[in-house]
Amino acid sequence: MIDEVLADQVAYYRRGAGEYDVAAYGEDVAAARAFIARLVAEMRPTGSVLEIACGTGLWTAALAEWADTVTAIDAAPEMVAIARDRVRPGNVSFAVADVFSWDPAARFDVIFFSAWLSHVPASWFGRFWELLRGLLAGGGRVLFVDEHVDERGKEAYVAGQEEVVERRLADGSTFRVIKNFVEPAELELRLRRMGWDCVIRRASSRWVYGEAKCLGPDSTAGGERRGAAPTWK
C-alpha cells in the first residue's frame, strides 16, 4: 500500500506543478520568497549542498546564495523543469531523481529539504535517516523545514489511515499523499535515539526548521547517544 501511495504522491506533484507555489505559499509568492530568504540566512547552508525534493526552486534560489554548489533533485520532472527555468546560477545543478534509489558519487556538507520529511512514510523513517547519514560528508549537517503538527487539521485524512491524506487539484483530480506533521520535541527525541543531535525551532505559526548532526561514536551515555546542541552556522 505504501508504494501505491508514494506513486500517487509523485503523480500529484507532477500534475500539480504549475499550481504548486500558490497552493503551498498563497497568492503572495513574493512574500514567500522573502520569508524563505530570511530562514535560509538563519540556517547558513554553506559548502556543497544537496536539496531533496526541490520542487519549483523557490528554496533552491535562496540556497544558491549561500552554498558553493547546490545539487537539487526531485522525483517530478515537471517540478524540475520549472526550477531549472527559475534558478540559473552557475553553482546549481538539477536532476530528476528519487532520493531512495539515487546514489551520487559525491558526499555533501549540507543536506536540505523543505516540506519533504512529512511526506516520508513512518515505516521508512529510519531508512531515510540512515540514507542521509551515508550522503553526508564528515561533520555535515541536515537542515529541514516543515509544517508544525498544529496544521494537521487542514488535511483530509483517509479513513483508517493515520498518515494518508487526500489532495485535490484545480482540475478536480484527487490523489493520496503521505503527511506526517512535525511535533518538534517528539522528533528531536526520536532522532537522538537514532544517533543524531537535533534542534528544532518554530519559524512561524505554521513552519518549523531544524538542524541535525550525526553524533560521534564515543558520545554514548546511559545507553543513549548524547552531544552538544547544534549551532546555527
Protein backbone atom coordinates (compact mmCIF):
# COMPACT_ATOMS: atom_id res chain seq x y z
CA MET A 1 0.00 0.00 0.00
CA ILE A 2 2.84 2.42 0.81
CA ASP A 3 4.35 2.00 -2.66
CA GLU A 4 0.98 2.77 -4.23
CA VAL A 5 0.51 5.90 -2.14
CA LEU A 6 4.03 7.10 -2.92
CA ALA A 7 3.39 6.63 -6.64
CA ASP A 8 0.20 8.66 -6.23
CA GLN A 9 2.17 11.30 -4.33
CA VAL A 10 4.62 11.73 -7.21
CA ALA A 11 1.71 11.88 -9.66
CA TYR A 12 0.11 14.62 -7.56
CA TYR A 13 3.21 16.80 -7.73
CA ARG A 14 3.76 16.09 -11.41
CA ARG A 15 0.24 17.07 -12.39
CA GLY A 16 0.06 19.98 -9.96
CA ALA A 17 3.49 21.51 -10.62
CA GLY A 18 2.04 24.61 -12.25
CA GLU A 19 -0.18 25.43 -9.29
CA TYR A 20 2.21 24.37 -6.54
CA ASP A 21 3.58 27.76 -5.48
CA VAL A 22 0.19 29.30 -4.78
CA ALA A 23 -1.13 26.10 -3.17
CA ALA A 24 1.86 25.90 -0.83
CA TYR A 25 2.54 29.56 -0.07
CA GLY A 26 -0.57 31.54 -1.01
CA GLU A 27 -1.10 34.23 -3.61
CA ASP A 28 1.75 36.43 -2.35
CA VAL A 29 4.70 34.42 -3.65
CA ALA A 30 6.96 37.48 -3.28
CA ALA A 31 6.32 37.44 0.48
CA ALA A 32 7.10 33.72 0.50
CA ARG A 33 10.42 34.41 -1.23
CA ALA A 34 11.31 36.97 1.45
CA PHE A 35 10.41 34.52 4.23
CA ILE A 36 12.46 31.78 2.57
CA ALA A 37 15.47 34.09 2.17
CA ARG A 38 15.36 35.05 5.86
CA LEU A 39 15.08 31.46 7.02
CA VAL A 40 17.88 30.20 4.77
CA ALA A 41 20.10 33.05 6.00
CA GLU A 42 19.42 31.87 9.56
CA MET A 43 20.46 28.31 8.69
CA ARG A 44 23.54 29.29 6.60
CA PRO A 45 23.81 26.29 4.26
CA THR A 46 27.45 26.65 3.16
CA GLY A 47 29.73 24.33 1.22
CA SER A 48 28.31 21.61 -1.04
CA VAL A 49 24.54 21.35 -0.58
CA LEU A 50 22.11 18.62 -1.63
CA GLU A 51 18.49 19.72 -1.82
CA ILE A 52 15.98 16.87 -1.72
CA ALA A 53 12.54 17.48 -3.28
CA CYS A 54 13.47 20.87 -4.68
CA GLY A 55 10.02 21.46 -6.15
CA THR A 56 9.76 24.64 -8.21
CA GLY A 57 13.06 26.04 -6.97
CA LEU A 58 11.95 28.72 -4.51
CA TRP A 59 14.24 27.31 -1.83
CA THR A 60 16.93 26.40 -4.36
CA ALA A 61 17.40 30.05 -5.32
CA ALA A 62 17.94 31.01 -1.68
CA LEU A 63 20.32 28.10 -1.06
CA ALA A 64 22.42 29.15 -4.05
CA GLU A 65 23.13 32.50 -2.38
CA TRP A 66 25.00 30.70 0.44
CA ALA A 67 26.31 27.45 -0.97
CA ASP A 68 29.41 26.79 -3.03
CA THR A 69 27.37 24.28 -5.03
CA VAL A 70 23.76 23.10 -4.92
CA THR A 71 22.63 19.73 -6.29
CA ALA A 72 18.83 19.86 -6.43
CA ILE A 73 16.77 16.73 -7.04
CA ASP A 74 13.07 15.97 -7.35
CA ALA A 75 11.12 12.91 -8.49
CA ALA A 76 8.72 15.05 -10.55
CA PRO A 77 10.26 16.17 -13.88
CA GLU A 78 7.62 18.90 -14.25
CA MET A 79 8.80 20.43 -10.98
CA VAL A 80 12.44 20.24 -12.06
CA ALA A 81 11.61 21.93 -15.38
CA ILE A 82 10.08 24.91 -13.55
CA ALA A 83 13.01 25.07 -11.14
CA ARG A 84 15.57 24.97 -13.96
CA ASP A 85 13.83 27.86 -15.69
CA ARG A 86 13.62 29.85 -12.45
CA VAL A 87 17.07 29.24 -10.97
CA ARG A 88 20.01 29.96 -13.26
CA PRO A 89 23.15 30.48 -11.11
CA GLY A 90 26.13 28.50 -12.35
CA ASN A 91 26.61 26.80 -8.97
CA VAL A 92 23.28 24.90 -9.22
CA SER A 93 22.65 21.59 -10.97
CA PHE A 94 19.34 19.73 -11.20
CA ALA A 95 18.41 16.09 -11.58
CA VAL A 96 15.17 14.14 -11.77
CA ALA A 97 15.70 11.52 -9.07
CA ASP A 98 14.03 9.62 -6.25
CA VAL A 99 16.30 10.01 -3.24
CA PHE A 100 15.56 6.43 -2.12
CA SER A 101 17.08 4.98 -5.30
CA TRP A 102 19.62 7.71 -6.15
CA ASP A 103 23.30 7.08 -5.49
CA PRO A 104 25.55 10.07 -6.24
CA ALA A 105 29.31 9.75 -6.27
CA ALA A 106 29.67 12.88 -4.10
CA ARG A 107 29.02 13.43 -0.41
CA PHE A 108 27.62 16.73 0.85
CA ASP A 109 28.38 19.25 3.58
CA VAL A 110 24.67 20.05 3.94
CA ILE A 111 21.52 18.16 3.05
CA PHE A 112 18.42 20.36 2.92
CA PHE A 113 14.73 19.63 2.39
CA SER A 114 11.59 21.69 2.81
CA ALA A 115 8.14 20.14 3.34
CA TRP A 116 9.60 16.74 2.47
CA LEU A 117 10.13 15.00 5.82
CA SER A 118 6.39 14.98 6.40
CA HIS A 119 5.98 13.04 3.12
CA VAL A 120 8.23 10.19 4.30
CA PRO A 121 6.18 7.18 5.47
CA ALA A 122 6.54 6.42 9.17
CA SER A 123 7.78 2.91 8.35
CA TRP A 124 10.55 4.41 6.18
CA PHE A 125 11.71 6.99 8.74
CA GLY A 126 14.74 5.05 9.98
CA ARG A 127 15.74 4.04 6.47
CA PHE A 128 15.56 7.67 5.35
CA TRP A 129 17.83 8.96 8.11
CA GLU A 130 20.34 6.17 7.52
CA LEU A 131 20.35 7.17 3.85
CA LEU A 132 21.07 10.77 4.87
CA ARG A 133 23.92 9.62 7.10
CA GLY A 134 25.52 7.95 4.07
CA LEU A 135 25.16 11.07 1.92
CA LEU A 136 26.80 13.44 4.42
CA ALA A 137 30.47 14.36 4.41
CA GLY A 138 32.25 14.27 7.77
CA GLY A 139 30.89 16.93 10.09
CA GLY A 140 27.97 17.57 7.75
CA ARG A 141 24.53 18.87 8.69
CA VAL A 142 20.95 18.10 7.78
CA LEU A 143 18.73 21.19 7.60
CA PHE A 144 14.99 20.91 7.17
CA VAL A 145 11.82 22.96 7.16
CA ASP A 146 8.34 21.52 7.59
CA GLU A 147 4.87 22.12 8.96
CA HIS A 148 4.07 22.01 12.66
CA VAL A 149 1.62 19.41 13.93
CA ASP A 150 -0.80 22.25 14.73
CA GLU A 151 -1.52 22.39 10.97
CA ARG A 152 -2.84 18.83 10.87
CA GLY A 153 -6.47 19.88 10.86
CA LYS A 154 -6.26 21.40 7.39
CA GLU A 155 -5.78 17.98 5.74
CA ALA A 156 -8.45 15.45 4.76
CA TYR A 157 -7.14 12.17 6.16
CA VAL A 158 -8.26 8.94 4.53
CA ALA A 159 -10.43 6.93 6.91
CA GLY A 160 -8.44 4.32 8.79
CA GLN A 161 -5.07 5.61 7.53
CA GLU A 162 -3.35 7.92 10.01
CA GLU A 163 -0.67 9.19 7.62
CA VAL A 164 -2.51 9.27 4.28
CA VAL A 165 -4.40 12.37 3.13
CA GLU A 166 -6.41 13.13 0.02
CA ARG A 167 -5.38 16.19 -2.02
CA ARG A 168 -7.44 17.78 -4.80
CA LEU A 169 -6.04 19.80 -7.70
CA ALA A 170 -7.73 22.67 -9.53
CA ASP A 171 -8.97 20.32 -12.26
CA GLY A 172 -10.82 18.23 -9.67
CA SER A 173 -8.46 15.25 -9.77
CA THR A 174 -7.65 13.68 -6.40
CA PHE A 175 -4.51 11.96 -5.13
CA ARG A 176 -3.31 10.28 -1.97
CA VAL A 177 -0.30 11.78 -0.22
CA ILE A 178 1.68 10.83 2.90
CA LYS A 179 1.54 13.60 5.50
CA ASN A 180 3.18 13.25 8.92
CA PHE A 181 3.31 16.68 10.55
CA VAL A 182 6.22 17.58 12.82
CA GLU A 183 5.91 17.58 16.61
CA PRO A 184 9.29 19.16 17.50
CA ALA A 185 10.01 17.59 20.89
CA GLU A 186 8.96 14.13 19.70
CA LEU A 187 11.09 14.37 16.54
CA GLU A 188 14.15 15.63 18.46
CA LEU A 189 13.91 12.70 20.87
CA ARG A 190 13.41 10.15 18.11
CA LEU A 191 16.45 11.40 16.22
CA ARG A 192 18.63 11.45 19.35
CA ARG A 193 17.79 7.80 19.90
CA MET A 194 19.00 7.14 16.35
CA GLY A 195 22.31 8.88 16.90
CA TRP A 196 21.51 12.41 15.71
CA ASP A 197 21.82 15.64 17.66
CA CYS A 198 18.86 17.75 16.62
CA VAL A 199 17.42 21.15 17.45
CA ILE A 200 14.05 22.25 16.02
CA ARG A 201 12.74 25.80 16.27
CA ARG A 202 9.48 27.50 15.36
CA ALA A 203 9.79 29.73 12.31
CA SER A 204 6.15 30.88 12.31
CA SER A 205 2.76 29.63 13.41
CA ARG A 206 2.89 27.18 10.51
CA TRP A 207 6.55 26.32 9.94
CA VAL A 208 9.37 24.79 11.97
CA TYR A 209 13.02 24.46 11.00
CA GLY A 210 15.63 22.08 12.27
CA GLU A 211 19.28 21.12 12.18
CA ALA A 212 20.61 17.62 12.79
CA LYS A 213 24.18 16.34 13.08
CA CYS A 214 25.46 12.80 13.48
CA LEU A 215 26.73 12.12 16.98
CA GLY A 216 30.21 10.68 17.28
CA PRO A 217 30.76 7.01 18.14
CA ASP A 218 32.15 7.91 21.57
CA SER A 219 29.21 10.08 22.61
CA THR A 220 27.16 7.39 24.35
CA ALA A 221 25.99 7.64 27.92
CA GLY A 222 23.37 5.67 29.81
CA GLY A 223 22.60 3.63 26.72
CA GLU A 224 21.67 6.72 24.71
CA ARG A 225 23.87 8.86 22.49
CA ARG A 226 24.34 12.43 23.56
CA GLY A 227 26.11 15.54 22.29
CA ALA A 228 26.19 19.31 22.36
CA ALA A 229 23.29 21.10 20.74
CA PRO A 230 23.92 22.10 17.12
CA THR A 231 24.74 25.72 16.37
CA TRP A 232 23.21 27.69 13.51
CA LYS A 233 26.35 28.33 11.48
